[in-house]
C-alpha cells in the first residue's frame, strides 16, 4: 500500500492558547490510537523549534534552513493506506485534532526498503 506524509508547518498551532494545548494533545493522541488500531499508523512526531543543520554532500555542516525557505515542517505523520482518498480522511482527522491544516503527499515506493522492513518484522 502507498504511504503518505501528512504534515503541518511550524507555527501552524501558534493560534492555540497554551491552556488549550493539553486538550489538543489528548485529541491528537486519540487520532494516533485510532490509526494504530486501524493498522495504518507508521510513525509521527512534532519537531522542536530549533534551527536545522544542513549537511552538504562533502560533509560540511551549516545552519539552516536554506535562506529561501519560507516554511518548515512543525510536525508530521506517516500512514500506510490503500488510497489518496483514505490519506485525506486521516489528514482531516489530524487537522481537526491539531486545529491546523495538514499537507498530504505520497511517499515514493521503495520495494527494497519494504522487503527489509518485512524481514525485520519477522525477527520480532
N, C-alpha and C. Protein backbone atom coordinates (compact mmCIF):
# COMPACT_ATOMS: atom_id res chain seq x y z
N UNK A 1 0.84 -1.18 0.00
CA UNK A 1 0.00 0.00 0.00
C UNK A 1 0.88 1.24 0.00
N UNK A 2 0.39 2.30 -0.57
CA UNK A 2 1.17 3.54 -0.56
C UNK A 2 1.23 4.16 0.83
N UNK A 3 2.32 4.85 1.07
CA UNK A 3 2.48 5.59 2.33
C UNK A 3 2.35 7.08 2.01
N UNK A 4 1.79 7.81 2.95
CA UNK A 4 1.58 9.24 2.79
C UNK A 4 2.16 9.99 3.97
N UNK A 5 2.78 11.11 3.65
CA UNK A 5 3.27 12.04 4.65
C UNK A 5 2.17 13.09 4.86
N UNK A 6 1.74 13.22 6.09
CA UNK A 6 0.76 14.24 6.47
C UNK A 6 1.50 15.19 7.41
N UNK A 7 1.59 16.46 7.04
CA UNK A 7 2.42 17.37 7.82
C UNK A 7 1.79 18.75 7.96
N UNK A 8 2.33 19.50 8.91
CA UNK A 8 1.91 20.90 9.08
C UNK A 8 3.13 21.75 9.33
N UNK A 9 3.00 23.02 9.02
CA UNK A 9 4.11 23.97 9.14
C UNK A 9 4.35 24.36 10.59
N UNK A 10 5.61 24.67 10.89
CA UNK A 10 5.95 25.23 12.19
C UNK A 10 5.17 26.52 12.35
N UNK A 11 4.63 26.72 13.50
CA UNK A 11 3.85 27.93 13.75
C UNK A 11 2.37 27.77 13.45
N UNK A 12 1.99 26.65 12.83
CA UNK A 12 0.58 26.46 12.45
C UNK A 12 -0.33 26.32 13.67
N UNK A 13 0.24 25.98 14.80
CA UNK A 13 -0.56 25.82 16.01
C UNK A 13 -0.39 27.00 16.97
N UNK A 14 0.30 28.05 16.54
CA UNK A 14 0.55 29.20 17.41
C UNK A 14 -0.73 29.91 17.84
N UNK A 15 -1.82 29.72 17.10
CA UNK A 15 -3.08 30.40 17.44
C UNK A 15 -3.80 29.75 18.63
N UNK A 16 -3.30 28.59 19.06
CA UNK A 16 -3.96 27.86 20.15
C UNK A 16 -3.43 28.35 21.48
N UNK A 17 -4.33 28.81 22.37
CA UNK A 17 -3.88 29.27 23.70
C UNK A 17 -3.19 28.14 24.47
N UNK A 18 -2.19 28.48 25.25
CA UNK A 18 -1.41 27.49 26.00
C UNK A 18 -2.30 26.60 26.87
N UNK A 19 -3.33 27.19 27.46
CA UNK A 19 -4.19 26.39 28.35
C UNK A 19 -5.03 25.35 27.60
N UNK A 20 -5.12 25.49 26.27
CA UNK A 20 -5.87 24.51 25.47
C UNK A 20 -4.98 23.41 24.90
N UNK A 21 -3.67 23.56 25.01
CA UNK A 21 -2.75 22.57 24.43
C UNK A 21 -2.91 21.17 25.01
N UNK A 22 -3.19 21.00 26.31
CA UNK A 22 -3.43 19.63 26.80
C UNK A 22 -4.61 18.95 26.09
N UNK A 23 -5.66 19.71 25.80
CA UNK A 23 -6.80 19.14 25.08
C UNK A 23 -6.43 18.77 23.65
N UNK A 24 -5.59 19.60 23.02
CA UNK A 24 -5.12 19.31 21.66
C UNK A 24 -4.27 18.04 21.69
N UNK A 25 -3.40 17.93 22.66
CA UNK A 25 -2.56 16.73 22.78
C UNK A 25 -3.40 15.48 22.98
N UNK A 26 -4.40 15.57 23.82
CA UNK A 26 -5.28 14.43 24.08
C UNK A 26 -6.03 14.04 22.80
N UNK A 27 -6.56 15.02 22.08
CA UNK A 27 -7.29 14.74 20.84
C UNK A 27 -6.36 14.15 19.78
N UNK A 28 -5.14 14.67 19.70
CA UNK A 28 -4.17 14.17 18.73
C UNK A 28 -3.78 12.73 19.04
N UNK A 29 -3.54 12.44 20.31
CA UNK A 29 -3.19 11.07 20.69
C UNK A 29 -4.35 10.10 20.44
N UNK A 30 -5.57 10.57 20.56
CA UNK A 30 -6.72 9.72 20.25
C UNK A 30 -6.75 9.35 18.77
N UNK A 31 -6.42 10.31 17.91
CA UNK A 31 -6.37 10.02 16.47
C UNK A 31 -5.24 9.04 16.17
N UNK A 32 -4.10 9.22 16.81
CA UNK A 32 -2.98 8.29 16.62
C UNK A 32 -3.41 6.89 17.05
N UNK A 33 -4.06 6.77 18.20
CA UNK A 33 -4.50 5.46 18.67
C UNK A 33 -5.50 4.84 17.70
N UNK A 34 -6.39 5.66 17.14
CA UNK A 34 -7.34 5.18 16.14
C UNK A 34 -6.60 4.64 14.91
N UNK A 35 -5.57 5.36 14.46
CA UNK A 35 -4.78 4.93 13.30
C UNK A 35 -4.00 3.65 13.61
N UNK A 36 -3.45 3.54 14.82
CA UNK A 36 -2.76 2.32 15.23
C UNK A 36 -3.73 1.15 15.22
N UNK A 37 -4.90 1.35 15.80
CA UNK A 37 -5.92 0.30 15.85
C UNK A 37 -6.38 -0.11 14.46
N UNK A 38 -6.40 0.85 13.53
CA UNK A 38 -6.81 0.57 12.16
C UNK A 38 -5.68 -0.08 11.35
N UNK A 39 -4.47 -0.12 11.91
CA UNK A 39 -3.34 -0.74 11.24
C UNK A 39 -2.72 0.11 10.14
N UNK A 40 -2.93 1.44 10.18
CA UNK A 40 -2.39 2.31 9.14
C UNK A 40 -1.27 3.21 9.64
N UNK A 41 -1.04 3.27 10.94
CA UNK A 41 -0.04 4.17 11.51
C UNK A 41 1.35 3.63 11.25
N UNK A 42 2.25 4.47 10.74
CA UNK A 42 3.65 4.11 10.57
C UNK A 42 4.48 4.84 11.60
N UNK A 43 4.39 6.17 11.62
CA UNK A 43 5.17 6.97 12.55
C UNK A 43 4.72 8.42 12.47
N UNK A 44 4.99 9.17 13.51
CA UNK A 44 4.72 10.59 13.50
C UNK A 44 5.39 11.27 14.68
N UNK A 45 5.56 12.59 14.57
CA UNK A 45 6.19 13.35 15.65
C UNK A 45 6.06 14.83 15.38
N UNK A 46 6.14 15.60 16.45
CA UNK A 46 6.30 17.04 16.32
C UNK A 46 7.79 17.33 16.29
N UNK A 47 8.16 18.45 15.74
CA UNK A 47 9.57 18.82 15.66
C UNK A 47 9.85 19.99 16.58
N UNK A 48 10.99 19.93 17.26
CA UNK A 48 11.42 21.02 18.13
C UNK A 48 11.62 22.27 17.29
N UNK A 49 11.37 23.41 17.90
CA UNK A 49 11.64 24.68 17.23
C UNK A 49 13.11 25.02 17.43
N UNK A 50 13.87 24.65 16.48
CA UNK A 50 15.30 24.93 16.51
C UNK A 50 15.77 25.09 15.08
N UNK A 51 16.87 25.73 14.93
CA UNK A 51 17.42 25.88 13.58
C UNK A 51 17.89 24.51 13.11
N UNK A 52 17.56 24.21 11.87
CA UNK A 52 18.03 22.96 11.28
C UNK A 52 19.50 23.09 10.93
N UNK A 53 20.16 21.97 10.82
CA UNK A 53 21.52 21.93 10.32
C UNK A 53 21.47 21.33 8.92
N UNK A 54 22.21 21.93 8.01
CA UNK A 54 22.28 21.43 6.65
C UNK A 54 23.63 20.74 6.49
N UNK A 55 23.61 19.48 6.07
CA UNK A 55 24.83 18.73 5.85
C UNK A 55 24.99 18.55 4.34
N UNK A 56 26.06 19.13 3.80
CA UNK A 56 26.33 19.07 2.36
C UNK A 56 26.89 17.70 1.98
N UNK A 57 26.95 17.45 0.69
CA UNK A 57 27.46 16.17 0.20
C UNK A 57 28.91 15.93 0.60
N UNK A 58 29.65 16.99 0.87
CA UNK A 58 31.04 16.84 1.30
C UNK A 58 31.17 16.75 2.81
N UNK A 59 30.03 16.74 3.52
CA UNK A 59 30.04 16.63 4.97
C UNK A 59 30.07 17.95 5.71
N UNK A 60 30.20 19.07 5.00
CA UNK A 60 30.24 20.39 5.64
C UNK A 60 28.87 20.69 6.25
N UNK A 61 28.87 21.17 7.49
CA UNK A 61 27.64 21.47 8.21
C UNK A 61 27.46 22.97 8.32
N UNK A 62 26.28 23.45 7.97
CA UNK A 62 25.93 24.87 8.11
C UNK A 62 24.57 24.97 8.78
N UNK A 63 24.30 26.14 9.34
CA UNK A 63 22.98 26.37 9.92
C UNK A 63 21.96 26.48 8.81
N UNK A 64 20.76 26.00 9.06
CA UNK A 64 19.68 26.06 8.08
C UNK A 64 18.49 26.71 8.73
N UNK A 65 17.34 26.67 8.14
CA UNK A 65 17.12 26.08 6.82
C UNK A 65 17.70 26.95 5.72
N UNK A 66 17.56 26.49 4.51
CA UNK A 66 18.04 27.27 3.37
C UNK A 66 17.41 28.66 3.43
N UNK A 67 18.13 29.71 3.06
CA UNK A 67 17.62 31.08 3.16
C UNK A 67 16.30 31.30 2.43
N UNK A 68 16.09 30.62 1.31
CA UNK A 68 14.86 30.84 0.55
C UNK A 68 13.65 30.10 1.14
N UNK A 69 13.88 29.28 2.17
CA UNK A 69 12.79 28.53 2.78
C UNK A 69 11.87 29.48 3.55
N UNK A 70 10.59 29.44 3.22
CA UNK A 70 9.62 30.29 3.91
C UNK A 70 8.90 29.52 5.00
N UNK A 71 8.77 28.21 4.81
CA UNK A 71 8.06 27.39 5.78
C UNK A 71 8.89 26.15 6.09
N UNK A 72 8.81 25.70 7.33
CA UNK A 72 9.46 24.46 7.72
C UNK A 72 8.43 23.58 8.40
N UNK A 73 8.67 22.30 8.38
CA UNK A 73 7.72 21.35 8.97
C UNK A 73 7.74 21.47 10.48
N UNK A 74 6.56 21.52 11.07
CA UNK A 74 6.43 21.58 12.51
C UNK A 74 6.07 20.24 13.12
N UNK A 75 5.48 19.36 12.31
CA UNK A 75 5.12 18.03 12.76
C UNK A 75 4.65 17.21 11.58
N UNK A 76 4.65 15.89 11.77
CA UNK A 76 4.27 15.03 10.66
C UNK A 76 3.74 13.69 11.15
N UNK A 77 3.02 13.03 10.27
CA UNK A 77 2.55 11.66 10.47
C UNK A 77 2.78 10.93 9.16
N UNK A 78 3.05 9.64 9.25
CA UNK A 78 3.13 8.79 8.07
C UNK A 78 2.10 7.69 8.24
N UNK A 79 1.23 7.55 7.23
CA UNK A 79 0.22 6.49 7.25
C UNK A 79 0.40 5.60 6.03
N UNK A 80 0.04 4.35 6.17
CA UNK A 80 0.13 3.35 5.12
C UNK A 80 -1.30 2.94 4.79
N UNK A 81 -1.84 3.49 3.72
CA UNK A 81 -3.25 3.31 3.40
C UNK A 81 -3.42 2.89 1.93
N UNK A 82 -4.64 2.48 1.59
CA UNK A 82 -4.90 1.95 0.25
C UNK A 82 -4.99 3.03 -0.83
N UNK A 83 -5.33 4.27 -0.45
CA UNK A 83 -5.57 5.28 -1.48
C UNK A 83 -5.31 6.69 -0.95
N UNK A 84 -5.18 7.62 -1.88
CA UNK A 84 -5.04 9.03 -1.52
C UNK A 84 -6.27 9.51 -0.76
N UNK A 85 -7.44 9.03 -1.17
CA UNK A 85 -8.68 9.44 -0.51
C UNK A 85 -8.65 9.05 0.97
N UNK A 86 -8.14 7.85 1.26
CA UNK A 86 -8.04 7.42 2.66
C UNK A 86 -7.02 8.27 3.41
N UNK A 87 -5.92 8.62 2.76
CA UNK A 87 -4.93 9.50 3.39
C UNK A 87 -5.55 10.86 3.70
N UNK A 88 -6.37 11.37 2.79
CA UNK A 88 -7.05 12.65 3.03
C UNK A 88 -8.02 12.56 4.20
N UNK A 89 -8.66 11.41 4.36
CA UNK A 89 -9.57 11.22 5.51
C UNK A 89 -8.79 11.27 6.82
N UNK A 90 -7.63 10.60 6.85
CA UNK A 90 -6.80 10.66 8.06
C UNK A 90 -6.28 12.06 8.29
N UNK A 91 -5.90 12.76 7.23
CA UNK A 91 -5.43 14.14 7.37
C UNK A 91 -6.52 15.03 7.95
N UNK A 92 -7.76 14.80 7.56
CA UNK A 92 -8.87 15.58 8.10
C UNK A 92 -9.03 15.34 9.60
N UNK A 93 -8.86 14.09 10.03
CA UNK A 93 -8.94 13.79 11.46
C UNK A 93 -7.79 14.45 12.23
N UNK A 94 -6.60 14.39 11.64
CA UNK A 94 -5.44 15.02 12.28
C UNK A 94 -5.61 16.53 12.33
N UNK A 95 -6.11 17.12 11.23
CA UNK A 95 -6.33 18.57 11.20
C UNK A 95 -7.30 19.01 12.28
N UNK A 96 -8.38 18.25 12.45
CA UNK A 96 -9.37 18.59 13.47
C UNK A 96 -8.76 18.49 14.87
N UNK A 97 -7.98 17.45 15.11
CA UNK A 97 -7.41 17.27 16.45
C UNK A 97 -6.31 18.29 16.74
N UNK A 98 -5.50 18.62 15.74
CA UNK A 98 -4.40 19.58 15.93
C UNK A 98 -4.84 21.03 15.74
N UNK A 99 -6.04 21.19 15.21
CA UNK A 99 -6.60 22.53 14.95
C UNK A 99 -5.77 23.33 13.95
N UNK A 100 -5.20 22.61 12.98
CA UNK A 100 -4.46 23.31 11.91
C UNK A 100 -4.49 22.46 10.64
N UNK A 101 -4.37 23.14 9.52
CA UNK A 101 -4.40 22.48 8.22
C UNK A 101 -3.21 21.52 8.07
N UNK A 102 -3.41 20.49 7.26
CA UNK A 102 -2.39 19.47 7.02
C UNK A 102 -2.11 19.37 5.52
N UNK A 103 -0.86 19.13 5.19
CA UNK A 103 -0.46 18.89 3.80
C UNK A 103 -0.31 17.38 3.63
N UNK A 104 -0.77 16.86 2.49
CA UNK A 104 -0.71 15.42 2.23
C UNK A 104 0.12 15.18 0.97
N UNK A 105 1.13 14.31 1.10
CA UNK A 105 1.98 13.98 -0.04
C UNK A 105 2.28 12.49 -0.01
N UNK A 106 2.20 11.86 -1.19
CA UNK A 106 2.51 10.44 -1.28
C UNK A 106 4.03 10.25 -1.29
N UNK A 107 4.49 9.28 -0.51
CA UNK A 107 5.91 8.94 -0.48
C UNK A 107 6.22 8.02 -1.66
N UNK A 108 7.40 8.17 -2.22
CA UNK A 108 7.80 7.29 -3.31
C UNK A 108 7.93 5.86 -2.78
N UNK A 109 7.47 4.88 -3.54
CA UNK A 109 7.61 3.49 -3.09
C UNK A 109 9.07 3.06 -3.14
N UNK A 110 9.45 2.18 -2.23
CA UNK A 110 10.80 1.65 -2.19
C UNK A 110 10.71 0.15 -1.88
N UNK A 111 10.60 -0.70 -2.91
CA UNK A 111 10.44 -2.14 -2.68
C UNK A 111 11.56 -2.75 -1.85
N UNK A 112 12.80 -2.27 -2.02
CA UNK A 112 13.91 -2.82 -1.23
C UNK A 112 13.73 -2.52 0.25
N UNK A 113 13.32 -1.28 0.56
CA UNK A 113 13.11 -0.92 1.96
C UNK A 113 11.93 -1.71 2.53
N UNK A 114 10.88 -1.88 1.75
CA UNK A 114 9.73 -2.66 2.22
C UNK A 114 10.15 -4.09 2.55
N UNK A 115 10.99 -4.69 1.71
CA UNK A 115 11.48 -6.05 1.97
C UNK A 115 12.30 -6.10 3.25
N UNK A 116 13.15 -5.09 3.47
CA UNK A 116 13.95 -5.04 4.69
C UNK A 116 13.05 -4.91 5.93
N UNK A 117 12.02 -4.08 5.83
CA UNK A 117 11.10 -3.90 6.96
C UNK A 117 10.34 -5.18 7.26
N UNK A 118 9.90 -5.89 6.22
CA UNK A 118 9.19 -7.16 6.44
C UNK A 118 10.12 -8.16 7.12
N UNK A 119 11.37 -8.20 6.69
CA UNK A 119 12.34 -9.11 7.29
C UNK A 119 12.58 -8.73 8.75
N UNK A 120 12.71 -7.47 9.05
CA UNK A 120 12.92 -7.01 10.43
C UNK A 120 11.70 -7.36 11.29
N UNK A 121 10.50 -7.23 10.74
CA UNK A 121 9.28 -7.56 11.48
C UNK A 121 9.26 -9.04 11.87
N UNK A 122 9.78 -9.90 11.01
CA UNK A 122 9.79 -11.33 11.29
C UNK A 122 10.70 -11.66 12.45
N UNK A 123 11.74 -10.84 12.64
CA UNK A 123 12.68 -11.08 13.73
C UNK A 123 12.08 -10.76 15.09
N UNK A 124 11.10 -9.91 15.12
CA UNK A 124 10.49 -9.52 16.40
C UNK A 124 9.47 -10.54 16.76
